[in-house]
Amino acid sequence: MDSLAAQLQMKYRNYVLSLYQQGFLDDQFTALKSLQDDGSPDFVAEVLSMFFDDCVKLVGNMARALDQTGTVDFSQVGDSVHQLKGSSSSVGAKRVKGLCITFKELCEAKNYEGCVRCLQQVDIEYKTIKAKLQDMSNLEKQIVQAGGIVPQVDIN
């Protein structure tokens, strides 16, 4: 293997470790990655694509519900938050999941201002993790193009 592939592998390891250390990902992402094999090489990408589609839909639902003039249906917002929490938990999106826990509490307290702030944070956070996972995927492609294999990263 040439030095470019080795350099990319090291960059990949460091990048993936940083995603865990900064709290973007948790062990559930590791478990998800372990389910991918030669028979389903796009498994993780497909699951993440569904997750991000859900994010767009659920954030939109929450925004519309919070934008209602008059009475906000906090239980409707809370249901969407609960769905997003489950989705983010299943893919290992740790920060999104954490925000959803806070968001759910704000819904239960019928704290409108807090819900609006939390929705903004959730929107920013899921877009951030999406970009970071796209960068990770791009690094994986570069490693393969350079003749290397994508390394397993031990996060423990």
C-alpha atoms as a PDB file:
ATOM      1  CA  MET A   1       0.000   0.000   0.000  1.00  0.00           C
ATOM      2  CA  ASP A   2       1.339   3.397  -0.877  1.00  0.00           C
ATOM      3  CA  SER A   3       1.850   6.223   1.523  1.00  0.00           C
ATOM      4  CA  LEU A   4      -1.213   8.153   0.305  1.00  0.00           C
ATOM      5  CA  ALA A   5      -3.538   5.336   1.385  1.00  0.00           C
ATOM      6  CA  ALA A   6      -1.730   5.056   4.725  1.00  0.00           C
ATOM      7  CA  GLN A   7      -1.995   8.805   5.276  1.00  0.00           C
ATOM      8  CA  LEU A   8      -5.703   8.734   4.433  1.00  0.00           C
ATOM      9  CA  GLN A   9      -6.251   5.815   6.811  1.00  0.00           C
ATOM     10  CA  MET A  10      -4.579   7.723   9.639  1.00  0.00           C
ATOM     11  CA  LYS A  11      -6.640  10.826   8.829  1.00  0.00           C
ATOM     12  CA  TYR A  12      -9.776   8.659   8.821  1.00  0.00           C
ATOM     13  CA  ARG A  13      -8.957   7.079  12.201  1.00  0.00           C
ATOM     14  CA  ASN A  14      -8.324  10.486  13.764  1.00  0.00           C
ATOM     15  CA  TYR A  15     -11.482  11.945  12.233  1.00  0.00           C
ATOM     16  CA  VAL A  16     -13.701   9.096  13.420  1.00  0.00           C
ATOM     17  CA  LEU A  17     -12.197   9.238  16.916  1.00  0.00           C
ATOM     18  CA  SER A  18     -12.840  12.984  17.031  1.00  0.00           C
ATOM     19  CA  LEU A  19     -16.533  12.422  16.199  1.00  0.00           C
ATOM     20  CA  TYR A  20     -16.825  10.183  19.254  1.00  0.00           C
ATOM     21  CA  GLN A  21     -14.691  12.380  21.502  1.00  0.00           C
ATOM     22  CA  GLN A  22     -16.718  15.477  20.590  1.00  0.00           C
ATOM     23  CA  GLY A  23     -19.954  13.641  21.371  1.00  0.00           C
ATOM     24  CA  PHE A  24     -21.367  13.526  17.850  1.00  0.00           C
ATOM     25  CA  LEU A  25     -21.505   9.717  17.817  1.00  0.00           C
ATOM     26  CA  ASP A  26     -21.910   6.955  20.383  1.00  0.00           C
ATOM     27  CA  ASP A  27     -21.556   3.168  20.551  1.00  0.00           C
ATOM     28  CA  GLN A  28     -24.791   2.655  18.625  1.00  0.00           C
ATOM     29  CA  PHE A  29     -23.069   4.024  15.506  1.00  0.00           C
ATOM     30  CA  THR A  30     -20.325   1.436  16.010  1.00  0.00           C
ATOM     31  CA  ALA A  31     -22.984  -1.273  16.268  1.00  0.00           C
ATOM     32  CA  LEU A  32     -24.651   0.021  13.099  1.00  0.00           C
ATOM     33  CA  LYS A  33     -21.327  -0.039  11.213  1.00  0.00           C
ATOM     34  CA  SER A  34     -20.723  -3.628  12.369  1.00  0.00           C
ATOM     35  CA  LEU A  35     -23.911  -4.727  10.565  1.00  0.00           C
ATOM     36  CA  GLN A  36     -22.499  -3.711   7.201  1.00  0.00           C
ATOM     37  CA  ASP A  37     -20.793  -6.467   5.227  1.00  0.00           C
ATOM     38  CA  ASP A  38     -19.890  -7.407   1.663  1.00  0.00           C
ATOM     39  CA  GLY A  39     -23.459  -8.555   1.065  1.00  0.00           C
ATOM     40  CA  SER A  40     -24.824  -5.124   1.992  1.00  0.00           C
ATOM     41  CA  PRO A  41     -22.017  -2.626   1.344  1.00  0.00           C
ATOM     42  CA  ASP A  42     -24.381   0.370   1.344  1.00  0.00           C
ATOM     43  CA  PHE A  43     -26.276  -0.611   4.495  1.00  0.00           C
ATOM     44  CA  VAL A  44     -25.012   2.228   6.716  1.00  0.00           C
ATOM     45  CA  ALA A  45     -25.446   4.832   3.970  1.00  0.00           C
ATOM     46  CA  GLU A  46     -29.032   3.679   3.401  1.00  0.00           C
ATOM     47  CA  VAL A  47     -29.900   3.748   7.116  1.00  0.00           C
ATOM     48  CA  LEU A  48     -28.354   7.204   7.490  1.00  0.00           C
ATOM     49  CA  SER A  49     -30.203   8.448   4.415  1.00  0.00           C
ATOM     50  CA  MET A  50     -33.508   7.330   5.969  1.00  0.00           C
ATOM     51  CA  PHE A  51     -32.504   8.983   9.255  1.00  0.00           C
ATOM     52  CA  PHE A  52     -31.760  12.312   7.591  1.00  0.00           C
ATOM     53  CA  ASP A  53     -34.999  12.120   5.564  1.00  0.00           C
ATOM     54  CA  ASP A  54     -36.806  11.588   8.885  1.00  0.00           C
ATOM     55  CA  CYS A  55     -34.968  14.579  10.362  1.00  0.00           C
ATOM     56  CA  VAL A  56     -36.184  16.859   7.574  1.00  0.00           C
ATOM     57  CA  LYS A  57     -39.766  15.615   7.924  1.00  0.00           C
ATOM     58  CA  LEU A  58     -39.880  15.710  11.726  1.00  0.00           C
ATOM     59  CA  VAL A  59     -38.153  19.091  12.092  1.00  0.00           C
ATOM     60  CA  GLY A  60     -40.611  20.458   9.535  1.00  0.00           C
ATOM     61  CA  ASN A  61     -43.552  18.991  11.464  1.00  0.00           C
ATOM     62  CA  MET A  62     -42.272  20.490  14.717  1.00  0.00           C
ATOM     63  CA  ALA A  63     -41.685  23.886  13.123  1.00  0.00           C
ATOM     64  CA  ARG A  64     -45.207  23.945  11.668  1.00  0.00           C
ATOM     65  CA  ALA A  65     -46.733  22.894  14.992  1.00  0.00           C
ATOM     66  CA  LEU A  66     -44.786  25.577  16.870  1.00  0.00           C
ATOM     67  CA  ASP A  67     -45.715  28.167  14.242  1.00  0.00           C
ATOM     68  CA  GLN A  68     -49.447  27.824  14.901  1.00  0.00           C
ATOM     69  CA  THR A  69     -51.045  31.048  15.958  1.00  0.00           C
ATOM     70  CA  GLY A  70     -53.057  30.605  19.096  1.00  0.00           C
ATOM     71  CA  THR A  71     -52.613  27.320  20.854  1.00  0.00           C
ATOM     72  CA  VAL A  72     -49.597  25.115  20.190  1.00  0.00           C
ATOM     73  CA  ASP A  73     -50.274  21.386  20.392  1.00  0.00           C
ATOM     74  CA  PHE A  74     -47.314  20.461  22.597  1.00  0.00           C
ATOM     75  CA  SER A  75     -48.278  16.788  22.541  1.00  0.00           C
ATOM     76  CA  GLN A  76     -47.999  16.797  18.733  1.00  0.00           C
ATOM     77  CA  VAL A  77     -44.574  18.455  18.952  1.00  0.00           C
ATOM     78  CA  GLY A  78     -43.592  16.002  21.680  1.00  0.00           C
ATOM     79  CA  ASP A  79     -44.615  13.029  19.502  1.00  0.00           C
ATOM     80  CA  SER A  80     -42.341  14.248  16.703  1.00  0.00           C
ATOM     81  CA  VAL A  81     -39.526  14.866  19.193  1.00  0.00           C
ATOM     82  CA  HIS A  82     -40.000  11.334  20.546  1.00  0.00           C
ATOM     83  CA  GLN A  83     -39.754   9.872  17.025  1.00  0.00           C
ATOM     84  CA  LEU A  84     -36.610  11.877  16.316  1.00  0.00           C
ATOM     85  CA  LYS A  85     -35.091  10.787  19.617  1.00  0.00           C
ATOM     86  CA  GLY A  86     -35.678   7.151  18.697  1.00  0.00           C
ATOM     87  CA  SER A  87     -34.240   7.592  15.201  1.00  0.00           C
ATOM     88  CA  SER A  88     -31.186   9.472  16.436  1.00  0.00           C
ATOM     89  CA  SER A  89     -30.610   6.888  19.142  1.00  0.00           C
ATOM     90  CA  SER A  90     -30.766   4.018  16.636  1.00  0.00           C
ATOM     91  CA  VAL A  91     -28.038   5.535  14.425  1.00  0.00           C
ATOM     92  CA  GLY A  92     -25.833   6.772  17.265  1.00  0.00           C
ATOM     93  CA  ALA A  93     -26.366  10.507  16.718  1.00  0.00           C
ATOM     94  CA  LYS A  94     -25.601  11.298  20.349  1.00  0.00           C
ATOM     95  CA  ARG A  95     -25.956  15.091  20.325  1.00  0.00           C
ATOM     96  CA  VAL A  96     -29.251  15.014  18.455  1.00  0.00           C
ATOM     97  CA  LYS A  97     -30.570  12.422  20.909  1.00  0.00           C
ATOM     98  CA  GLY A  98     -29.468  14.553  23.872  1.00  0.00           C
ATOM     99  CA  LEU A  99     -31.209  17.624  22.485  1.00  0.00           C
ATOM    100  CA  CYS A 100     -34.369  15.583  21.942  1.00  0.00           C
ATOM    101  CA  ILE A 101     -34.392  14.563  25.608  1.00  0.00           C
ATOM    102  CA  THR A 102     -34.278  18.240  26.623  1.00  0.00           C
ATOM    103  CA  PHE A 103     -36.795  19.162  23.920  1.00  0.00           C
ATOM    104  CA  LYS A 104     -39.258  16.532  25.178  1.00  0.00           C
ATOM    105  CA  GLU A 105     -39.016  17.956  28.703  1.00  0.00           C
ATOM    106  CA  LEU A 106     -39.712  21.444  27.335  1.00  0.00           C
ATOM    107  CA  CYS A 107     -42.766  20.130  25.493  1.00  0.00           C
ATOM    108  CA  GLU A 108     -44.060  18.499  28.665  1.00  0.00           C
ATOM    109  CA  ALA A 109     -43.587  21.817  30.493  1.00  0.00           C
ATOM    110  CA  LYS A 110     -45.337  23.630  27.589  1.00  0.00           C
ATOM    111  CA  ASN A 111     -42.354  25.984  27.414  1.00  0.00           C
ATOM    112  CA  TYR A 112     -42.898  27.617  24.030  1.00  0.00           C
ATOM    113  CA  GLU A 113     -39.723  29.748  23.948  1.00  0.00           C
ATOM    114  CA  GLY A 114     -37.607  26.806  25.097  1.00  0.00           C
ATOM    115  CA  CYS A 115     -39.146  24.573  22.429  1.00  0.00           C
ATOM    116  CA  VAL A 116     -38.422  27.105  19.692  1.00  0.00           C
ATOM    117  CA  ARG A 117     -34.782  27.435  20.841  1.00  0.00           C
ATOM    118  CA  CYS A 118     -34.403  23.669  21.091  1.00  0.00           C
ATOM    119  CA  LEU A 119     -35.880  23.174  17.614  1.00  0.00           C
ATOM    120  CA  GLN A 120     -33.269  25.575  16.229  1.00  0.00           C
ATOM    121  CA  GLN A 121     -30.513  23.631  18.009  1.00  0.00           C
ATOM    122  CA  VAL A 122     -31.837  20.286  16.720  1.00  0.00           C
ATOM    123  CA  ASP A 123     -31.942  21.673  13.179  1.00  0.00           C
ATOM    124  CA  ILE A 124     -28.341  22.883  13.411  1.00  0.00           C
ATOM    125  CA  GLU A 125     -27.119  19.689  15.070  1.00  0.00           C
ATOM    126  CA  TYR A 126     -28.609  17.205  12.618  1.00  0.00           C
ATOM    127  CA  LYS A 127     -27.243  19.235   9.707  1.00  0.00           C
ATOM    128  CA  THR A 128     -23.830  19.303  11.389  1.00  0.00           C
ATOM    129  CA  ILE A 129     -23.712  15.527  11.930  1.00  0.00           C
ATOM    130  CA  LYS A 130     -24.932  14.997   8.369  1.00  0.00           C
ATOM    131  CA  ALA A 131     -22.021  17.067   7.032  1.00  0.00           C
ATOM    132  CA  LYS A 132     -19.528  15.304   9.300  1.00  0.00           C
ATOM    133  CA  LEU A 133     -20.746  11.850   8.235  1.00  0.00           C
ATOM    134  CA  GLN A 134     -20.545  12.937   4.595  1.00  0.00           C
ATOM    135  CA  ASP A 135     -16.930  13.979   5.200  1.00  0.00           C
ATOM    136  CA  MET A 136     -16.292  10.561   6.764  1.00  0.00           C
ATOM    137  CA  SER A 137     -17.849   8.838   3.751  1.00  0.00           C
ATOM    138  CA  ASN A 138     -15.722  10.931   1.392  1.00  0.00           C
ATOM    139  CA  LEU A 139     -12.590   9.885   3.293  1.00  0.00           C
ATOM    140  CA  GLU A 140     -13.652   6.235   2.989  1.00  0.00           C
ATOM    141  CA  LYS A 141     -13.986   6.658  -0.788  1.00  0.00           C
ATOM    142  CA  GLN A 142     -10.579   8.339  -1.008  1.00  0.00           C
ATOM    143  CA  ILE A 143      -8.959   5.464   0.898  1.00  0.00           C
ATOM    144  CA  VAL A 144     -10.462   2.892  -1.479  1.00  0.00           C
ATOM    145  CA  GLN A 145      -9.479   4.960  -4.535  1.00  0.00           C
ATOM    146  CA  ALA A 146      -5.910   5.107  -3.196  1.00  0.00           C
ATOM    147  CA  GLY A 147      -5.840   1.301  -3.044  1.00  0.00           C
ATOM    148  CA  GLY A 148      -6.351   0.956   0.700  1.00  0.00           C
ATOM    149  CA  ILE A 149      -9.036  -0.559   2.842  1.00  0.00           C
ATOM    150  CA  VAL A 150     -11.120   1.456   5.275  1.00  0.00           C
ATOM    151  CA  PRO A 151      -9.769   0.694   8.745  1.00  0.00           C
ATOM    152  CA  GLN A 152     -11.873  -0.433  11.683  1.00  0.00           C
ATOM    153  CA  VAL A 153     -11.581   2.228  14.343  1.00  0.00           C
ATOM    154  CA  ASP A 154     -11.436   1.077  17.963  1.00  0.00           C
ATOM    155  CA  ILE A 155     -13.083   3.833  19.974  1.00  0.00           C
ATOM    156  CA  ASN A 156     -12.407   2.326  23.379  1.00  0.00           C
END
